[in-house]
């Protein structure tokens, strides 16, 4: 009886190991963009995605770039200090959306313009997604909430 129990335990452990290995192999074979929360404007400018690809772009809303159109249409530019990408959006913007503030938008890059289907703004006065902060630090344009310029 004990040998059957031991055999079953070994089979279950072996099957568990095979399943874990299979999941790790699948994760290793996924493309890098599968793990990316958003792309910076510099990444989009250097390597434009296909027009059919739905992705996220994140950065700061460029100063003086917000232009309101008819109804809920709005256009603005998003920047990370290295590149600026024009954005169009038809919808209601979040209350915290403003020039010079962090944002993440989801949409498609068509003919040099990011056509957003969703816009996310910062959480509060000092919140900015870690990825946006890292991208801005990489460009050397990040300013900490206390106003001090941060360096890498």
C-alpha atoms as a PDB file:
ATOM      1  CA  UNK A   1       0.000   0.000   0.000  1.00  0.00           C
ATOM      2  CA  UNK A   2       2.826   2.426   0.845  1.00  0.00           C
ATOM      3  CA  UNK A   3       4.577   1.858  -2.471  1.00  0.00           C
ATOM      4  CA  UNK A   4       1.404   2.784  -4.407  1.00  0.00           C
ATOM      5  CA  UNK A   5       1.074   5.981  -2.360  1.00  0.00           C
ATOM      6  CA  UNK A   6       4.734   6.828  -2.974  1.00  0.00           C
ATOM      7  CA  UNK A   7       4.356   6.108  -6.693  1.00  0.00           C
ATOM      8  CA  UNK A   8       1.293   8.361  -6.938  1.00  0.00           C
ATOM      9  CA  UNK A   9       3.113  11.177  -5.111  1.00  0.00           C
ATOM     10  CA  UNK A  10       6.058  10.919  -7.508  1.00  0.00           C
ATOM     11  CA  UNK A  11       3.686  11.020 -10.490  1.00  0.00           C
ATOM     12  CA  UNK A  12       1.937  14.125  -9.182  1.00  0.00           C
ATOM     13  CA  UNK A  13       5.254  15.900  -8.532  1.00  0.00           C
ATOM     14  CA  UNK A  14       6.531  14.972 -11.992  1.00  0.00           C
ATOM     15  CA  UNK A  15       3.325  16.206 -13.641  1.00  0.00           C
ATOM     16  CA  UNK A  16       3.519  19.450 -11.645  1.00  0.00           C
ATOM     17  CA  UNK A  17       7.122  19.959 -12.751  1.00  0.00           C
ATOM     18  CA  UNK A  18       6.203  19.407 -16.407  1.00  0.00           C
ATOM     19  CA  UNK A  19       3.333  21.917 -16.128  1.00  0.00           C
ATOM     20  CA  UNK A  20       5.562  24.560 -14.532  1.00  0.00           C
ATOM     21  CA  UNK A  21       8.220  24.021 -17.197  1.00  0.00           C
ATOM     22  CA  UNK A  22       5.585  24.350 -19.959  1.00  0.00           C
ATOM     23  CA  UNK A  23       4.309  27.657 -18.545  1.00  0.00           C
ATOM     24  CA  UNK A  24       7.868  29.020 -18.310  1.00  0.00           C
ATOM     25  CA  UNK A  25       8.585  28.017 -21.919  1.00  0.00           C
ATOM     26  CA  UNK A  26       5.399  29.730 -23.109  1.00  0.00           C
ATOM     27  CA  UNK A  27       6.313  32.918 -21.216  1.00  0.00           C
ATOM     28  CA  UNK A  28       9.827  32.855 -22.667  1.00  0.00           C
ATOM     29  CA  UNK A  29       8.462  32.570 -26.221  1.00  0.00           C
ATOM     30  CA  UNK A  30       6.062  35.526 -25.934  1.00  0.00           C
ATOM     31  CA  UNK A  31       7.176  38.707 -27.702  1.00  0.00           C
ATOM     32  CA  UNK A  32       8.679  41.450 -25.522  1.00  0.00           C
ATOM     33  CA  UNK A  33       5.817  43.864 -26.198  1.00  0.00           C
ATOM     34  CA  UNK A  34       3.467  41.438 -24.429  1.00  0.00           C
ATOM     35  CA  UNK A  35       4.956  42.554 -21.114  1.00  0.00           C
ATOM     36  CA  UNK A  36       5.109  46.257 -21.835  1.00  0.00           C
ATOM     37  CA  UNK A  37       2.519  48.460 -20.096  1.00  0.00           C
ATOM     38  CA  UNK A  38       2.971  51.318 -22.545  1.00  0.00           C
ATOM     39  CA  UNK A  39       5.400  52.779 -25.062  1.00  0.00           C
ATOM     40  CA  UNK A  40       7.049  56.155 -24.712  1.00  0.00           C
ATOM     41  CA  UNK A  41       6.696  58.724 -27.527  1.00  0.00           C
ATOM     42  CA  UNK A  42      10.378  58.179 -28.380  1.00  0.00           C
ATOM     43  CA  UNK A  43       9.792  54.430 -28.829  1.00  0.00           C
ATOM     44  CA  UNK A  44       6.771  55.117 -31.049  1.00  0.00           C
ATOM     45  CA  UNK A  45       8.679  57.655 -33.168  1.00  0.00           C
ATOM     46  CA  UNK A  46      11.709  55.375 -33.598  1.00  0.00           C
ATOM     47  CA  UNK A  47       9.755  52.191 -34.300  1.00  0.00           C
ATOM     48  CA  UNK A  48       6.192  53.014 -35.438  1.00  0.00           C
ATOM     49  CA  UNK A  49       3.733  50.164 -34.813  1.00  0.00           C
ATOM     50  CA  UNK A  50       1.373  48.766 -37.451  1.00  0.00           C
ATOM     51  CA  UNK A  51      -1.834  50.782 -37.926  1.00  0.00           C
ATOM     52  CA  UNK A  52      -3.871  47.774 -36.779  1.00  0.00           C
ATOM     53  CA  UNK A  53      -1.965  47.340 -33.518  1.00  0.00           C
ATOM     54  CA  UNK A  54      -3.756  48.459 -30.352  1.00  0.00           C
ATOM     55  CA  UNK A  55      -1.208  49.653 -27.778  1.00  0.00           C
ATOM     56  CA  UNK A  56      -0.682  52.183 -24.990  1.00  0.00           C
ATOM     57  CA  UNK A  57       1.414  55.327 -25.093  1.00  0.00           C
ATOM     58  CA  UNK A  58       2.468  57.222 -21.991  1.00  0.00           C
ATOM     59  CA  UNK A  59       4.161  60.498 -21.199  1.00  0.00           C
ATOM     60  CA  UNK A  60       3.411  64.109 -20.340  1.00  0.00           C
ATOM     61  CA  UNK A  61       0.768  66.229 -22.036  1.00  0.00           C
ATOM     62  CA  UNK A  62       2.789  68.884 -23.878  1.00  0.00           C
ATOM     63  CA  UNK A  63       2.284  72.463 -22.648  1.00  0.00           C
ATOM     64  CA  UNK A  64      -0.038  74.517 -24.869  1.00  0.00           C
ATOM     65  CA  UNK A  65      -1.027  71.524 -26.997  1.00  0.00           C
ATOM     66  CA  UNK A  66      -4.635  70.892 -25.908  1.00  0.00           C
ATOM     67  CA  UNK A  67      -7.094  71.936 -28.629  1.00  0.00           C
ATOM     68  CA  UNK A  68     -10.775  71.243 -28.067  1.00  0.00           C
ATOM     69  CA  UNK A  69     -12.896  70.529 -31.128  1.00  0.00           C
ATOM     70  CA  UNK A  70     -16.609  70.092 -31.615  1.00  0.00           C
ATOM     71  CA  UNK A  71     -18.417  68.167 -28.917  1.00  0.00           C
ATOM     72  CA  UNK A  72     -16.087  65.803 -27.122  1.00  0.00           C
ATOM     73  CA  UNK A  73     -13.274  65.885 -29.700  1.00  0.00           C
ATOM     74  CA  UNK A  74      -9.895  66.944 -28.376  1.00  0.00           C
ATOM     75  CA  UNK A  75      -6.368  66.876 -29.725  1.00  0.00           C
ATOM     76  CA  UNK A  76      -3.115  67.313 -27.861  1.00  0.00           C
ATOM     77  CA  UNK A  77       0.470  66.125 -27.922  1.00  0.00           C
ATOM     78  CA  UNK A  78       2.205  63.684 -25.589  1.00  0.00           C
ATOM     79  CA  UNK A  79       5.934  63.970 -24.982  1.00  0.00           C
ATOM     80  CA  UNK A  80       8.730  62.381 -23.010  1.00  0.00           C
ATOM     81  CA  UNK A  81      11.279  65.074 -23.783  1.00  0.00           C
ATOM     82  CA  UNK A  82      12.798  63.105 -26.645  1.00  0.00           C
ATOM     83  CA  UNK A  83       9.852  63.002 -29.035  1.00  0.00           C
ATOM     84  CA  UNK A  84       6.358  64.422 -29.278  1.00  0.00           C
ATOM     85  CA  UNK A  85       3.427  62.493 -30.715  1.00  0.00           C
ATOM     86  CA  UNK A  86       0.130  64.169 -31.692  1.00  0.00           C
ATOM     87  CA  UNK A  87      -2.963  62.536 -30.143  1.00  0.00           C
ATOM     88  CA  UNK A  88      -6.631  62.743 -31.083  1.00  0.00           C
ATOM     89  CA  UNK A  89      -9.426  61.574 -28.810  1.00  0.00           C
ATOM     90  CA  UNK A  90     -13.203  61.648 -29.032  1.00  0.00           C
ATOM     91  CA  UNK A  91     -14.637  61.242 -25.569  1.00  0.00           C
ATOM     92  CA  UNK A  92     -14.794  62.701 -22.104  1.00  0.00           C
ATOM     93  CA  UNK A  93     -11.356  63.330 -20.609  1.00  0.00           C
ATOM     94  CA  UNK A  94     -10.661  62.440 -16.970  1.00  0.00           C
ATOM     95  CA  UNK A  95     -11.059  65.316 -14.501  1.00  0.00           C
ATOM     96  CA  UNK A  96      -7.348  65.251 -13.656  1.00  0.00           C
ATOM     97  CA  UNK A  97      -6.232  65.505 -17.306  1.00  0.00           C
ATOM     98  CA  UNK A  98      -4.184  68.684 -17.800  1.00  0.00           C
ATOM     99  CA  UNK A  99      -1.150  70.110 -19.609  1.00  0.00           C
ATOM    100  CA  UNK A 100       2.191  69.110 -18.151  1.00  0.00           C
ATOM    101  CA  UNK A 101       0.671  66.118 -16.355  1.00  0.00           C
ATOM    102  CA  UNK A 102       1.214  62.408 -16.849  1.00  0.00           C
ATOM    103  CA  UNK A 103      -1.162  60.393 -18.988  1.00  0.00           C
ATOM    104  CA  UNK A 104      -1.492  56.982 -20.602  1.00  0.00           C
ATOM    105  CA  UNK A 105      -3.648  56.509 -23.693  1.00  0.00           C
ATOM    106  CA  UNK A 106      -4.751  53.370 -25.494  1.00  0.00           C
ATOM    107  CA  UNK A 107      -5.326  53.381 -29.236  1.00  0.00           C
ATOM    108  CA  UNK A 108      -3.704  53.051 -32.653  1.00  0.00           C
ATOM    109  CA  UNK A 109      -0.945  55.002 -34.436  1.00  0.00           C
ATOM    110  CA  UNK A 110      -2.387  56.004 -37.813  1.00  0.00           C
ATOM    111  CA  UNK A 111      -0.616  58.320 -40.303  1.00  0.00           C
ATOM    112  CA  UNK A 112       1.662  59.839 -37.660  1.00  0.00           C
ATOM    113  CA  UNK A 113      -1.135  60.506 -35.146  1.00  0.00           C
ATOM    114  CA  UNK A 114      -2.093  58.421 -32.132  1.00  0.00           C
ATOM    115  CA  UNK A 115      -5.870  57.882 -32.286  1.00  0.00           C
ATOM    116  CA  UNK A 116      -6.840  57.192 -28.683  1.00  0.00           C
ATOM    117  CA  UNK A 117      -9.868  55.165 -27.648  1.00  0.00           C
ATOM    118  CA  UNK A 118      -9.139  55.569 -23.929  1.00  0.00           C
ATOM    119  CA  UNK A 119      -7.253  58.178 -21.898  1.00  0.00           C
ATOM    120  CA  UNK A 120      -6.060  57.606 -18.337  1.00  0.00           C
ATOM    121  CA  UNK A 121      -4.794  60.505 -16.249  1.00  0.00           C
ATOM    122  CA  UNK A 122      -2.749  60.701 -13.101  1.00  0.00           C
ATOM    123  CA  UNK A 123      -4.255  59.572  -9.803  1.00  0.00           C
ATOM    124  CA  UNK A 124      -3.574  62.654  -7.711  1.00  0.00           C
ATOM    125  CA  UNK A 125      -1.290  65.666  -7.660  1.00  0.00           C
ATOM    126  CA  UNK A 126       1.921  63.679  -7.303  1.00  0.00           C
ATOM    127  CA  UNK A 127       1.104  60.257  -8.774  1.00  0.00           C
ATOM    128  CA  UNK A 128       2.674  59.172 -12.024  1.00  0.00           C
ATOM    129  CA  UNK A 129       3.016  55.563 -13.238  1.00  0.00           C
ATOM    130  CA  UNK A 130       6.470  54.118 -12.508  1.00  0.00           C
ATOM    131  CA  UNK A 131       6.974  53.396 -16.203  1.00  0.00           C
ATOM    132  CA  UNK A 132       6.330  57.050 -17.112  1.00  0.00           C
ATOM    133  CA  UNK A 133       8.801  58.215 -14.434  1.00  0.00           C
ATOM    134  CA  UNK A 134      11.425  55.750 -15.698  1.00  0.00           C
ATOM    135  CA  UNK A 135      10.938  56.897 -19.306  1.00  0.00           C
ATOM    136  CA  UNK A 136      11.215  60.566 -18.293  1.00  0.00           C
ATOM    137  CA  UNK A 137      14.322  59.870 -16.191  1.00  0.00           C
ATOM    138  CA  UNK A 138      15.851  58.058 -19.167  1.00  0.00           C
ATOM    139  CA  UNK A 139      15.273  61.200 -21.248  1.00  0.00           C
ATOM    140  CA  UNK A 140      16.640  63.390 -18.430  1.00  0.00           C
ATOM    141  CA  UNK A 141      13.436  65.466 -18.185  1.00  0.00           C
ATOM    142  CA  UNK A 142      11.861  64.113 -14.999  1.00  0.00           C
ATOM    143  CA  UNK A 143      11.093  66.682 -12.305  1.00  0.00           C
ATOM    144  CA  UNK A 144      10.240  65.314  -8.869  1.00  0.00           C
ATOM    145  CA  UNK A 145       6.972  66.446  -7.226  1.00  0.00           C
ATOM    146  CA  UNK A 146       8.941  68.753  -4.904  1.00  0.00           C
ATOM    147  CA  UNK A 147      10.237  70.602  -7.998  1.00  0.00           C
ATOM    148  CA  UNK A 148      13.814  69.305  -7.868  1.00  0.00           C
ATOM    149  CA  UNK A 149      15.159  67.937 -11.125  1.00  0.00           C
ATOM    150  CA  UNK A 150      15.994  64.259 -10.792  1.00  0.00           C
ATOM    151  CA  UNK A 151      18.837  62.503 -12.521  1.00  0.00           C
ATOM    152  CA  UNK A 152      19.357  58.886 -13.426  1.00  0.00           C
END
